[in-house]
Amino acid sequence: MSQEVIVASGLTKSFAGRGRVVEAVKGIDFAVEQGEIFGFLGPNGAGKTTTQRMLTTLLPIDAGVAQVAGCDVARLPAQVRARIGYVSQLGGADNLATGRENLMLQARLYGAAKSDARQRVGEVLAAMDIGAIADRKVKTYSGGQRRRLDVALGIVHQPEVLFLDEPSTGLDPQNRANLWDHVRRLRETGTTIFMTTHYLEEADSLCDRIMIIDHGQIVADGTPQDLKRQALGDSVLLTVGSNDQTSARQLLERADFVKEVSSDGEGLRLYVHDGKAALPDIFRLLDSQRIAVRTVSLSEPTLDDVFLAKTGRSLRDGDRPVVSEEVAA
């Protein structure tokens, strides 16, 4: 039977600023099971980082309760910190020290004897593929090397739970994929990983389970596959002449085989059960009214479709903060 290592109930956080109070996290409930890679997906400002900072004791909880690794976050913050690792968006390595020196310091701060720390640092350097650069100053590291060092700092003390805040932000695709491989290996060792991200591909490829958050509220929860099955169906994006767009939308909205129609930039987005089967019907319907299709594309449901179905807007277009989570910094 799986064990829940993170449990939150009614978790709430507000910030005051610019003459008003903004509720950044609005009484959310969730649980994370041991050994999961759990993804918190949402646009910037949705409440992801605020939630994570509360769970890691970096922000006080306004209301609700949370337990991490069997410890109450509000009542036993020191015990929580001893059991977790945390990798922030900015990282925490000293640029003027070497990677090995950073890791030795971190291990010693967590109480490891010098000989034990030296052995553990060697293991972590090998696990994160940075042994060859361990004795170079961090300021000489590339973005991918630095990010792997950040993760190494988060796991050198062998935490039960690792918190990653936007772990691959700023990395190129190759370094991002490399980091994902290392995160998967951590899961194989039994580490529970709680990560925030606004990258759809990262959540889909890496996470065992995803919770989508928007404006401080949970809007969906499940495996990537389960969430995509909840979407409205295949997505058809088409464009017609500007003078025909209103007529085309009205016509398609009345079609039995179309579940929903929305405007998408200069085109129309349709959700249908079976995109391949629906395309000929769409062309016939529009042709019957002499409406010419300029472009058309078909895609299977994505996590962005789930977000669109739940919130009425695209996650790709929702990357502007609704409330600054940096208030907590």
C-alpha atoms as a PDB file:
ATOM      1  CA  MET A   1       0.000   0.000   0.000  1.00  0.00           C
ATOM      2  CA  SER A   2       1.338   3.434  -0.967  1.00  0.00           C
ATOM      3  CA  GLN A   3       2.148   5.857   1.815  1.00  0.00           C
ATOM      4  CA  GLU A   4       1.296   9.539   1.655  1.00  0.00           C
ATOM      5  CA  VAL A   5       4.378  11.628   2.412  1.00  0.00           C
ATOM      6  CA  ILE A   6       2.855  15.060   1.734  1.00  0.00           C
ATOM      7  CA  VAL A   7      -0.675  15.908   2.845  1.00  0.00           C
ATOM      8  CA  ALA A   8      -2.252  19.368   2.690  1.00  0.00           C
ATOM      9  CA  SER A   9      -5.733  20.377   3.775  1.00  0.00           C
ATOM     10  CA  GLY A  10      -7.265  23.826   3.363  1.00  0.00           C
ATOM     11  CA  LEU A  11      -3.872  25.338   2.598  1.00  0.00           C
ATOM     12  CA  THR A  12      -4.259  29.118   2.281  1.00  0.00           C
ATOM     13  CA  LYS A  13      -1.906  32.054   1.791  1.00  0.00           C
ATOM     14  CA  SER A  14      -2.576  35.756   1.193  1.00  0.00           C
ATOM     15  CA  PHE A  15      -0.304  38.699   0.443  1.00  0.00           C
ATOM     16  CA  ALA A  16      -0.940  42.370   1.060  1.00  0.00           C
ATOM     17  CA  GLY A  17       0.307  44.868  -1.457  1.00  0.00           C
ATOM     18  CA  ARG A  18      -0.704  47.872  -3.534  1.00  0.00           C
ATOM     19  CA  GLY A  19      -3.535  48.670  -1.156  1.00  0.00           C
ATOM     20  CA  ARG A  20      -5.231  45.288  -1.357  1.00  0.00           C
ATOM     21  CA  VAL A  21      -5.003  41.709  -0.120  1.00  0.00           C
ATOM     22  CA  VAL A  22      -4.583  38.990  -2.730  1.00  0.00           C
ATOM     23  CA  GLU A  23      -5.316  35.371  -1.862  1.00  0.00           C
ATOM     24  CA  ALA A  24      -2.534  33.541  -3.687  1.00  0.00           C
ATOM     25  CA  VAL A  25      -3.496  30.043  -2.507  1.00  0.00           C
ATOM     26  CA  LYS A  26      -7.164  29.428  -1.797  1.00  0.00           C
ATOM     27  CA  GLY A  27      -7.716  26.549   0.590  1.00  0.00           C
ATOM     28  CA  ILE A  28      -6.316  23.715  -1.504  1.00  0.00           C
ATOM     29  CA  ASP A  29      -6.256  19.997  -0.589  1.00  0.00           C
ATOM     30  CA  PHE A  30      -3.931  17.348  -1.997  1.00  0.00           C
ATOM     31  CA  ALA A  31      -1.709  14.398  -1.135  1.00  0.00           C
ATOM     32  CA  VAL A  32       1.518  13.053  -2.625  1.00  0.00           C
ATOM     33  CA  GLU A  33       2.444   9.396  -2.378  1.00  0.00           C
ATOM     34  CA  GLN A  34       5.866   7.989  -1.591  1.00  0.00           C
ATOM     35  CA  GLY A  35       8.097   7.567  -4.633  1.00  0.00           C
ATOM     36  CA  GLU A  36       6.043   9.772  -6.944  1.00  0.00           C
ATOM     37  CA  ILE A  37       7.225  12.512  -9.225  1.00  0.00           C
ATOM     38  CA  PHE A  38       4.398  14.896  -8.495  1.00  0.00           C
ATOM     39  CA  GLY A  39       3.996  17.912 -10.741  1.00  0.00           C
ATOM     40  CA  PHE A  40       2.362  21.205  -9.854  1.00  0.00           C
ATOM     41  CA  LEU A  41       1.507  22.700 -13.245  1.00  0.00           C
ATOM     42  CA  GLY A  42       0.239  26.204 -13.867  1.00  0.00           C
ATOM     43  CA  PRO A  43       1.097  29.634 -15.251  1.00  0.00           C
ATOM     44  CA  ASN A  44       3.368  32.054 -13.428  1.00  0.00           C
ATOM     45  CA  GLY A  45       1.582  33.544 -10.442  1.00  0.00           C
ATOM     46  CA  ALA A  46      -0.895  30.660 -10.139  1.00  0.00           C
ATOM     47  CA  GLY A  47       0.250  29.774  -6.605  1.00  0.00           C
ATOM     48  CA  LYS A  48       2.760  26.992  -7.325  1.00  0.00           C
ATOM     49  CA  THR A  49       5.838  28.505  -5.709  1.00  0.00           C
ATOM     50  CA  THR A  50       3.817  29.930  -2.814  1.00  0.00           C
ATOM     51  CA  THR A  51       2.458  26.457  -2.054  1.00  0.00           C
ATOM     52  CA  GLN A  52       5.901  24.915  -2.247  1.00  0.00           C
ATOM     53  CA  ARG A  53       7.381  27.571   0.035  1.00  0.00           C
ATOM     54  CA  MET A  54       4.733  26.856   2.638  1.00  0.00           C
ATOM     55  CA  LEU A  55       5.440  23.111   2.474  1.00  0.00           C
ATOM     56  CA  THR A  56       9.186  23.733   2.879  1.00  0.00           C
ATOM     57  CA  THR A  57       8.661  26.063   5.897  1.00  0.00           C
ATOM     58  CA  LEU A  58       9.904  29.122   3.988  1.00  0.00           C
ATOM     59  CA  LEU A  59       6.517  30.838   4.270  1.00  0.00           C
ATOM     60  CA  PRO A  60       4.102  30.712   7.200  1.00  0.00           C
ATOM     61  CA  ILE A  61       0.752  29.062   6.508  1.00  0.00           C
ATOM     62  CA  ASP A  62      -2.185  31.451   6.916  1.00  0.00           C
ATOM     63  CA  ALA A  63      -4.817  28.726   7.253  1.00  0.00           C
ATOM     64  CA  GLY A  64      -5.068  24.982   6.841  1.00  0.00           C
ATOM     65  CA  VAL A  65      -2.596  22.263   7.785  1.00  0.00           C
ATOM     66  CA  ALA A  66       0.200  20.394   6.014  1.00  0.00           C
ATOM     67  CA  GLN A  67       2.342  17.397   6.843  1.00  0.00           C
ATOM     68  CA  VAL A  68       5.602  16.558   5.097  1.00  0.00           C
ATOM     69  CA  ALA A  69       7.465  13.294   5.773  1.00  0.00           C
ATOM     70  CA  GLY A  70       5.250  12.664   8.786  1.00  0.00           C
ATOM     71  CA  CYS A  71       5.856  16.064  10.425  1.00  0.00           C
ATOM     72  CA  ASP A  72       3.447  18.951  10.846  1.00  0.00           C
ATOM     73  CA  VAL A  73       4.906  21.847   8.857  1.00  0.00           C
ATOM     74  CA  ALA A  74       3.744  24.593  11.238  1.00  0.00           C
ATOM     75  CA  ARG A  75       4.520  22.851  14.535  1.00  0.00           C
ATOM     76  CA  LEU A  76       7.695  20.944  13.624  1.00  0.00           C
ATOM     77  CA  PRO A  77       9.517  23.034  10.998  1.00  0.00           C
ATOM     78  CA  ALA A  78      13.011  21.893  12.033  1.00  0.00           C
ATOM     79  CA  GLN A  79      12.066  18.233  11.614  1.00  0.00           C
ATOM     80  CA  VAL A  80      10.567  18.984   8.216  1.00  0.00           C
ATOM     81  CA  ARG A  81      13.753  20.730   7.057  1.00  0.00           C
ATOM     82  CA  ALA A  82      15.855  17.779   8.185  1.00  0.00           C
ATOM     83  CA  ARG A  83      13.818  15.418   5.996  1.00  0.00           C
ATOM     84  CA  ILE A  84      13.581  17.431   2.777  1.00  0.00           C
ATOM     85  CA  GLY A  85      15.742  18.879   0.044  1.00  0.00           C
ATOM     86  CA  TYR A  86      14.833  22.107  -1.725  1.00  0.00           C
ATOM     87  CA  VAL A  87      16.084  23.450  -5.040  1.00  0.00           C
ATOM     88  CA  SER A  88      14.826  26.956  -5.770  1.00  0.00           C
ATOM     89  CA  GLN A  89      14.518  28.588  -9.172  1.00  0.00           C
ATOM     90  CA  LEU A  90      17.669  30.618  -8.506  1.00  0.00           C
ATOM     91  CA  GLY A  91      19.756  27.830  -6.970  1.00  0.00           C
ATOM     92  CA  GLY A  92      21.967  28.192  -3.927  1.00  0.00           C
ATOM     93  CA  ALA A  93      25.545  27.393  -4.904  1.00  0.00           C
ATOM     94  CA  ASP A  94      28.447  29.705  -4.034  1.00  0.00           C
ATOM     95  CA  ASN A  95      29.921  30.830  -7.366  1.00  0.00           C
ATOM     96  CA  LEU A  96      33.413  31.367  -5.914  1.00  0.00           C
ATOM     97  CA  ALA A  97      33.649  27.875  -4.409  1.00  0.00           C
ATOM     98  CA  THR A  98      34.048  24.619  -6.299  1.00  0.00           C
ATOM     99  CA  GLY A  99      31.209  22.181  -6.772  1.00  0.00           C
ATOM    100  CA  ARG A 100      32.859  19.759  -4.345  1.00  0.00           C
ATOM    101  CA  GLU A 101      33.305  22.481  -1.716  1.00  0.00           C
ATOM    102  CA  ASN A 102      29.640  23.455  -2.025  1.00  0.00           C
ATOM    103  CA  LEU A 103      28.548  19.861  -1.554  1.00  0.00           C
ATOM    104  CA  MET A 104      30.914  19.206   1.361  1.00  0.00           C
ATOM    105  CA  LEU A 105      29.592  22.273   3.160  1.00  0.00           C
ATOM    106  CA  GLN A 106      25.989  21.200   2.580  1.00  0.00           C
ATOM    107  CA  ALA A 107      26.627  17.681   3.850  1.00  0.00           C
ATOM    108  CA  ARG A 108      28.442  18.954   6.937  1.00  0.00           C
ATOM    109  CA  LEU A 109      25.665  21.439   7.687  1.00  0.00           C
ATOM    110  CA  TYR A 110      23.290  18.493   7.810  1.00  0.00           C
ATOM    111  CA  GLY A 111      25.502  16.812  10.404  1.00  0.00           C
ATOM    112  CA  ALA A 112      27.553  14.333   8.385  1.00  0.00           C
ATOM    113  CA  ALA A 113      31.001  13.446   9.709  1.00  0.00           C
ATOM    114  CA  LYS A 114      33.841  14.554   7.434  1.00  0.00           C
ATOM    115  CA  SER A 115      34.622  11.063   6.145  1.00  0.00           C
ATOM    116  CA  ASP A 116      30.937  10.262   5.581  1.00  0.00           C
ATOM    117  CA  ALA A 117      30.422  13.599   3.852  1.00  0.00           C
ATOM    118  CA  ARG A 118      33.368  12.961   1.536  1.00  0.00           C
ATOM    119  CA  GLN A 119      31.946   9.572   0.541  1.00  0.00           C
ATOM    120  CA  ARG A 120      28.438  10.917   0.029  1.00  0.00           C
ATOM    121  CA  VAL A 121      29.693  13.854  -2.057  1.00  0.00           C
ATOM    122  CA  GLY A 122      31.516  11.405  -4.308  1.00  0.00           C
ATOM    123  CA  GLU A 123      28.315   9.396  -4.779  1.00  0.00           C
ATOM    124  CA  VAL A 124      26.259  12.471  -5.616  1.00  0.00           C
ATOM    125  CA  LEU A 125      28.851  13.852  -8.031  1.00  0.00           C
ATOM    126  CA  ALA A 126      28.777  10.551  -9.896  1.00  0.00           C
ATOM    127  CA  ALA A 127      24.980  10.313  -9.830  1.00  0.00           C
ATOM    128  CA  MET A 128      24.596  13.790 -11.335  1.00  0.00           C
ATOM    129  CA  ASP A 129      27.447  13.385 -13.864  1.00  0.00           C
ATOM    130  CA  ILE A 130      29.465  16.333 -12.581  1.00  0.00           C
ATOM    131  CA  GLY A 131      32.469  14.510 -11.148  1.00  0.00           C
ATOM    132  CA  ALA A 132      34.730  15.760 -13.930  1.00  0.00           C
ATOM    133  CA  ILE A 133      34.041  19.388 -13.040  1.00  0.00           C
ATOM    134  CA  ALA A 134      33.772  18.967  -9.268  1.00  0.00           C
ATOM    135  CA  ASP A 135      36.969  20.914  -8.538  1.00  0.00           C
ATOM    136  CA  ARG A 136      36.212  23.843 -10.808  1.00  0.00           C
ATOM    137  CA  LYS A 137      34.662  27.004  -9.438  1.00  0.00           C
ATOM    138  CA  VAL A 138      30.917  27.120  -9.937  1.00  0.00           C
ATOM    139  CA  LYS A 139      31.149  30.408 -11.841  1.00  0.00           C
ATOM    140  CA  THR A 140      32.728  28.446 -14.714  1.00  0.00           C
ATOM    141  CA  TYR A 141      29.814  25.980 -14.998  1.00  0.00           C
ATOM    142  CA  SER A 142      27.359  25.975 -17.888  1.00  0.00           C
ATOM    143  CA  GLY A 143      23.646  26.365 -17.187  1.00  0.00           C
ATOM    144  CA  GLY A 144      23.031  22.622 -17.319  1.00  0.00           C
ATOM    145  CA  GLN A 145      26.033  21.823 -15.106  1.00  0.00           C
ATOM    146  CA  ARG A 146      24.963  24.418 -12.556  1.00  0.00           C
ATOM    147  CA  ARG A 147      21.421  23.046 -12.451  1.00  0.00           C
ATOM    148  CA  ARG A 148      22.685  19.519 -11.864  1.00  0.00           C
ATOM    149  CA  LEU A 149      24.848  20.873  -9.029  1.00  0.00           C
ATOM    150  CA  ASP A 150      21.763  22.571  -7.567  1.00  0.00           C
ATOM    151  CA  VAL A 151      19.953  19.230  -7.542  1.00  0.00           C
ATOM    152  CA  ALA A 152      23.032  17.553  -6.051  1.00  0.00           C
ATOM    153  CA  LEU A 153      22.968  20.096  -3.220  1.00  0.00           C
ATOM    154  CA  GLY A 154      19.331  19.211  -2.642  1.00  0.00           C
ATOM    155  CA  ILE A 155      19.982  15.474  -2.303  1.00  0.00           C
ATOM    156  CA  VAL A 156      23.443  15.229  -0.702  1.00  0.00           C
ATOM    157  CA  HIS A 157      21.868  14.673   2.732  1.00  0.00           C
ATOM    158  CA  GLN A 158      19.573  11.931   1.342  1.00  0.00           C
ATOM    159  CA  PRO A 159      16.212  13.595   1.953  1.00  0.00           C
ATOM    160  CA  GLU A 160      12.932  11.695   1.923  1.00  0.00           C
ATOM    161  CA  VAL A 161      11.314  14.395  -0.213  1.00  0.00           C
ATOM    162  CA  LEU A 162      12.937  16.637  -2.827  1.00  0.00           C
ATOM    163  CA  PHE A 163      11.247  19.900  -3.782  1.00  0.00           C
ATOM    164  CA  LEU A 164      12.171  21.309  -7.201  1.00  0.00           C
ATOM    165  CA  ASP A 165      10.920  24.764  -8.151  1.00  0.00           C
ATOM    166  CA  GLU A 166      10.862  25.190 -11.961  1.00  0.00           C
ATOM    167  CA  PRO A 167      13.908  22.909 -12.261  1.00  0.00           C
ATOM    168  CA  SER A 168      14.582  23.337 -15.989  1.00  0.00           C
ATOM    169  CA  THR A 169      13.841  27.025 -16.459  1.00  0.00           C
ATOM    170  CA  GLY A 170      16.461  28.593 -18.713  1.00  0.00           C
ATOM    171  CA  LEU A 171      17.904  25.304 -19.956  1.00  0.00           C
ATOM    172  CA  ASP A 172      18.130  24.413 -23.626  1.00  0.00           C
ATOM    173  CA  PRO A 173      16.237  21.277 -24.793  1.00  0.00           C
ATOM    174  CA  GLN A 174      19.275  18.992 -24.554  1.00  0.00           C
ATOM    175  CA  ASN A 175      20.163  20.027 -20.999  1.00  0.00           C
ATOM    176  CA  ARG A 176      16.502  19.892 -20.025  1.00  0.00           C
ATOM    177  CA  ALA A 177      16.188  16.284 -21.233  1.00  0.00           C
ATOM    178  CA  ASN A 178      19.437  15.421 -19.440  1.00  0.00           C
ATOM    179  CA  LEU A 179      18.103  16.848 -16.182  1.00  0.00           C
ATOM    180  CA  TRP A 180      14.866  14.891 -16.598  1.00  0.00           C
ATOM    181  CA  ASP A 181      16.853  11.654 -16.835  1.00  0.00           C
ATOM    182  CA  HIS A 182      18.593  12.452 -13.548  1.00  0.00           C
ATOM    183  CA  VAL A 183      15.283  13.251 -11.849  1.00  0.00           C
ATOM    184  CA  ARG A 184      13.850   9.912 -12.996  1.00  0.00           C
ATOM    185  CA  ARG A 185      16.846   8.093 -11.517  1.00  0.00           C
ATOM    186  CA  LEU A 186      16.212   9.820  -8.187  1.00  0.00           C
ATOM    187  CA  ARG A 187      12.656   8.502  -8.226  1.00  0.00           C
ATOM    188  CA  GLU A 188      14.035   4.994  -8.812  1.00  0.00           C
ATOM    189  CA  THR A 189      16.007   5.265  -5.557  1.00  0.00           C
ATOM    190  CA  GLY A 190      12.775   5.923  -3.657  1.00  0.00           C
ATOM    191  CA  THR A 191      12.964   9.714  -3.397  1.00  0.00           C
ATOM    192  CA  THR A 192       9.616  11.472  -3.570  1.00  0.00           C
ATOM    193  CA  ILE A 193       9.814  14.512  -5.844  1.00  0.00           C
ATOM    194  CA  PHE A 194       7.468  17.503  -5.716  1.00  0.00           C
ATOM    195  CA  MET A 195       8.155  19.845  -8.612  1.00  0.00           C
ATOM    196  CA  THR A 196       6.560  23.002  -9.913  1.00  0.00           C
ATOM    197  CA  THR A 197       6.581  23.751 -13.611  1.00  0.00           C
ATOM    198  CA  HIS A 198       4.839  25.781 -16.288  1.00  0.00           C
ATOM    199  CA  TYR A 199       6.282  23.640 -19.088  1.00  0.00           C
ATOM    200  CA  LEU A 200       3.597  21.368 -20.566  1.00  0.00           C
ATOM    201  CA  GLU A 201       6.136  18.964 -22.052  1.00  0.00           C
ATOM    202  CA  GLU A 202       8.021  18.688 -18.765  1.00  0.00           C
ATOM    203  CA  ALA A 203       4.897  17.818 -16.804  1.00  0.00           C
ATOM    204  CA  ASP A 204       3.704  15.351 -19.439  1.00  0.00           C
ATOM    205  CA  SER A 205       7.042  13.576 -19.873  1.00  0.00           C
ATOM    206  CA  LEU A 206       8.341  13.546 -16.327  1.00  0.00           C
ATOM    207  CA  CYS A 207       5.491  13.435 -13.814  1.00  0.00           C
ATOM    208  CA  ASP A 208       3.652  10.370 -12.552  1.00  0.00           C
ATOM    209  CA  ARG A 209       0.815  12.602 -11.420  1.00  0.00           C
ATOM    210  CA  ILE A 210      -0.057  16.219 -12.112  1.00  0.00           C
ATOM    211  CA  MET A 211      -2.112  18.796 -10.289  1.00  0.00           C
ATOM    212  CA  ILE A 212      -3.082  21.844 -12.332  1.00  0.00           C
ATOM    213  CA  ILE A 213      -3.446  25.072 -10.370  1.00  0.00           C
ATOM    214  CA  ASP A 214      -4.824  28.388 -11.573  1.00  0.00           C
ATOM    215  CA  HIS A 215      -5.492  31.570  -9.575  1.00  0.00           C
ATOM    216  CA  GLY A 216      -4.679  29.699  -6.368  1.00  0.00           C
ATOM    217  CA  GLN A 217      -7.188  26.893  -6.910  1.00  0.00           C
ATOM    218  CA  ILE A 218      -6.820  23.284  -8.045  1.00  0.00           C
ATOM    219  CA  VAL A 219      -8.630  22.780 -11.354  1.00  0.00           C
ATOM    220  CA  ALA A 220      -7.526  19.223 -12.235  1.00  0.00           C
ATOM    221  CA  ASP A 221      -5.638  16.289 -10.721  1.00  0.00           C
ATOM    222  CA  GLY A 222      -4.526  12.952 -12.156  1.00  0.00           C
ATOM    223  CA  THR A 223      -1.970  11.154 -14.275  1.00  0.00           C
ATOM    224  CA  PRO A 224      -1.078  12.884 -17.549  1.00  0.00           C
ATOM    225  CA  GLN A 225      -3.004  10.206 -19.434  1.00  0.00           C
ATOM    226  CA  ASP A 226      -6.095  10.502 -17.232  1.00  0.00           C
ATOM    227  CA  LEU A 227      -6.115  14.287 -17.512  1.00  0.00           C
ATOM    228  CA  LYS A 228      -5.880  14.219 -21.283  1.00  0.00           C
ATOM    229  CA  ARG A 229      -8.797  11.791 -21.411  1.00  0.00           C
ATOM    230  CA  GLN A 230     -10.829  14.412 -19.539  1.00  0.00           C
ATOM    231  CA  ALA A 231     -10.311  16.924 -22.342  1.00  0.00           C
ATOM    232  CA  LEU A 232     -13.054  17.596 -24.835  1.00  0.00           C
ATOM    233  CA  GLY A 233     -11.475  15.430 -27.524  1.00  0.00           C
ATOM    234  CA  ASP A 234      -9.270  15.968 -30.542  1.00  0.00           C
ATOM    235  CA  SER A 235      -8.508  19.581 -31.373  1.00  0.00           C
ATOM    236  CA  VAL A 236      -8.990  21.017 -34.874  1.00  0.00           C
ATOM    237  CA  LEU A 237      -7.566  24.468 -35.562  1.00  0.00           C
ATOM    238  CA  LEU A 238      -8.711  26.079 -38.782  1.00  0.00           C
ATOM    239  CA  THR A 239      -8.658  29.491 -40.405  1.00  0.00           C
ATOM    240  CA  VAL A 240     -11.091  30.975 -42.895  1.00  0.00           C
ATOM    241  CA  GLY A 241     -11.399  34.386 -44.472  1.00  0.00           C
ATOM    242  CA  SER A 242     -11.876  37.193 -41.959  1.00  0.00           C
ATOM    243  CA  ASN A 243     -15.305  37.987 -43.425  1.00  0.00           C
ATOM    244  CA  ASP A 244     -16.377  34.360 -42.987  1.00  0.00           C
ATOM    245  CA  GLN A 245     -15.208  33.727 -39.424  1.00  0.00           C
ATOM    246  CA  THR A 246     -18.471  34.616 -37.664  1.00  0.00           C
ATOM    247  CA  SER A 247     -20.558  32.607 -40.138  1.00  0.00           C
ATOM    248  CA  ALA A 248     -18.195  29.643 -39.891  1.00  0.00           C
ATOM    249  CA  ARG A 249     -18.316  29.655 -36.093  1.00  0.00           C
ATOM    250  CA  GLN A 250     -22.111  29.799 -36.003  1.00  0.00           C
ATOM    251  CA  LEU A 251     -22.344  26.989 -38.542  1.00  0.00           C
ATOM    252  CA  LEU A 252     -19.909  24.742 -36.689  1.00  0.00           C
ATOM    253  CA  GLU A 253     -21.504  25.399 -33.308  1.00  0.00           C
ATOM    254  CA  ARG A 254     -24.731  23.888 -34.649  1.00  0.00           C
ATOM    255  CA  ALA A 255     -23.020  20.746 -35.950  1.00  0.00           C
ATOM    256  CA  ASP A 256     -23.796  17.590 -33.947  1.00  0.00           C
ATOM    257  CA  PHE A 257     -20.251  16.221 -34.267  1.00  0.00           C
ATOM    258  CA  VAL A 258     -18.629  19.371 -32.812  1.00  0.00           C
ATOM    259  CA  LYS A 259     -18.435  19.512 -29.008  1.00  0.00           C
ATOM    260  CA  GLU A 260     -17.192  23.089 -28.675  1.00  0.00           C
ATOM    261  CA  VAL A 261     -15.942  25.989 -30.780  1.00  0.00           C
ATOM    262  CA  SER A 262     -13.776  28.865 -29.592  1.00  0.00           C
ATOM    263  CA  SER A 263     -11.764  31.657 -31.173  1.00  0.00           C
ATOM    264  CA  ASP A 264      -8.023  31.011 -31.212  1.00  0.00           C
ATOM    265  CA  GLY A 265      -6.092  34.054 -32.404  1.00  0.00           C
ATOM    266  CA  GLU A 266      -7.127  34.554 -36.013  1.00  0.00           C
ATOM    267  CA  GLY A 267      -8.682  31.097 -36.334  1.00  0.00           C
ATOM    268  CA  LEU A 268     -11.259  28.781 -34.807  1.00  0.00           C
ATOM    269  CA  ARG A 269     -10.553  25.849 -32.504  1.00  0.00           C
ATOM    270  CA  LEU A 270     -12.977  22.946 -32.565  1.00  0.00           C
ATOM    271  CA  TYR A 271     -13.155  19.975 -30.224  1.00  0.00           C
ATOM    272  CA  VAL A 272     -14.449  16.767 -31.740  1.00  0.00           C
ATOM    273  CA  HIS A 273     -14.513  13.125 -30.646  1.00  0.00           C
ATOM    274  CA  ASP A 274     -12.532  11.788 -33.608  1.00  0.00           C
ATOM    275  CA  GLY A 275     -10.571  14.397 -35.515  1.00  0.00           C
ATOM    276  CA  LYS A 276      -9.739  12.277 -38.565  1.00  0.00           C
ATOM    277  CA  ALA A 277     -13.349  11.272 -39.063  1.00  0.00           C
ATOM    278  CA  ALA A 278     -14.609  14.818 -38.486  1.00  0.00           C
ATOM    279  CA  LEU A 279     -12.348  16.601 -40.997  1.00  0.00           C
ATOM    280  CA  PRO A 280     -14.336  15.578 -44.130  1.00  0.00           C
ATOM    281  CA  ASP A 281     -17.579  16.630 -42.417  1.00  0.00           C
ATOM    282  CA  ILE A 282     -16.087  19.994 -41.490  1.00  0.00           C
ATOM    283  CA  PHE A 283     -14.986  20.644 -45.085  1.00  0.00           C
ATOM    284  CA  ARG A 284     -18.383  19.574 -46.493  1.00  0.00           C
ATOM    285  CA  LEU A 285     -20.270  21.735 -44.011  1.00  0.00           C
ATOM    286  CA  LEU A 286     -18.234  24.865 -44.713  1.00  0.00           C
ATOM    287  CA  ASP A 287     -18.213  24.228 -48.475  1.00  0.00           C
ATOM    288  CA  SER A 288     -22.010  24.046 -48.449  1.00  0.00           C
ATOM    289  CA  GLN A 289     -21.994  27.719 -47.461  1.00  0.00           C
ATOM    290  CA  ARG A 290     -19.102  28.592 -49.795  1.00  0.00           C
ATOM    291  CA  ILE A 291     -16.722  29.177 -46.893  1.00  0.00           C
ATOM    292  CA  ALA A 292     -13.168  28.337 -47.928  1.00  0.00           C
ATOM    293  CA  VAL A 293     -10.776  26.822 -45.417  1.00  0.00           C
ATOM    294  CA  ARG A 294      -7.353  28.447 -45.597  1.00  0.00           C
ATOM    295  CA  THR A 295      -5.449  26.278 -43.114  1.00  0.00           C
ATOM    296  CA  VAL A 296      -6.303  23.332 -40.909  1.00  0.00           C
ATOM    297  CA  SER A 297      -4.383  21.314 -38.316  1.00  0.00           C
ATOM    298  CA  LEU A 298      -5.358  18.383 -36.144  1.00  0.00           C
ATOM    299  CA  SER A 299      -3.921  17.358 -32.768  1.00  0.00           C
ATOM    300  CA  GLU A 300      -4.747  14.885 -30.040  1.00  0.00           C
ATOM    301  CA  PRO A 301      -5.608  16.222 -26.568  1.00  0.00           C
ATOM    302  CA  THR A 302      -2.752  17.846 -24.646  1.00  0.00           C
ATOM    303  CA  LEU A 303      -2.410  19.161 -21.120  1.00  0.00           C
ATOM    304  CA  ASP A 304      -2.983  22.607 -22.586  1.00  0.00           C
ATOM    305  CA  ASP A 305      -6.366  21.381 -23.845  1.00  0.00           C
ATOM    306  CA  VAL A 306      -7.139  20.219 -20.303  1.00  0.00           C
ATOM    307  CA  PHE A 307      -6.188  23.645 -18.945  1.00  0.00           C
ATOM    308  CA  LEU A 308      -8.269  25.347 -21.638  1.00  0.00           C
ATOM    309  CA  ALA A 309     -11.263  23.142 -20.893  1.00  0.00           C
ATOM    310  CA  LYS A 310     -11.013  23.822 -17.149  1.00  0.00           C
ATOM    311  CA  THR A 311     -10.239  27.551 -17.221  1.00  0.00           C
ATOM    312  CA  GLY A 312     -11.351  28.858 -20.611  1.00  0.00           C
ATOM    313  CA  ARG A 313      -7.858  29.982 -21.597  1.00  0.00           C
ATOM    314  CA  SER A 314      -4.636  28.447 -22.844  1.00  0.00           C
ATOM    315  CA  LEU A 315      -1.809  27.736 -20.441  1.00  0.00           C
ATOM    316  CA  ARG A 316       0.608  28.784 -23.179  1.00  0.00           C
ATOM    317  CA  ASP A 317      -1.062  32.196 -23.198  1.00  0.00           C
ATOM    318  CA  GLY A 318      -1.442  32.380 -19.417  1.00  0.00           C
ATOM    319  CA  ASP A 319       2.169  32.975 -18.530  1.00  0.00           C
ATOM    320  CA  ARG A 320       1.688  36.450 -17.129  1.00  0.00           C
ATOM    321  CA  PRO A 321       1.586  36.758 -13.338  1.00  0.00           C
ATOM    322  CA  VAL A 322      -1.760  37.379 -11.705  1.00  0.00           C
ATOM    323  CA  VAL A 323      -0.058  37.989  -8.364  1.00  0.00           C
ATOM    324  CA  SER A 324       3.655  38.206  -7.781  1.00  0.00           C
ATOM    325  CA  GLU A 325       4.912  35.230  -5.820  1.00  0.00           C
ATOM    326  CA  GLU A 326       8.150  37.114  -5.309  1.00  0.00           C
ATOM    327  CA  VAL A 327       6.418  39.010  -2.492  1.00  0.00           C
ATOM    328  CA  ALA A 328       7.485  36.018  -0.425  1.00  0.00           C
ATOM    329  CA  ALA A 329      11.143  36.350  -1.269  1.00  0.00           C
END
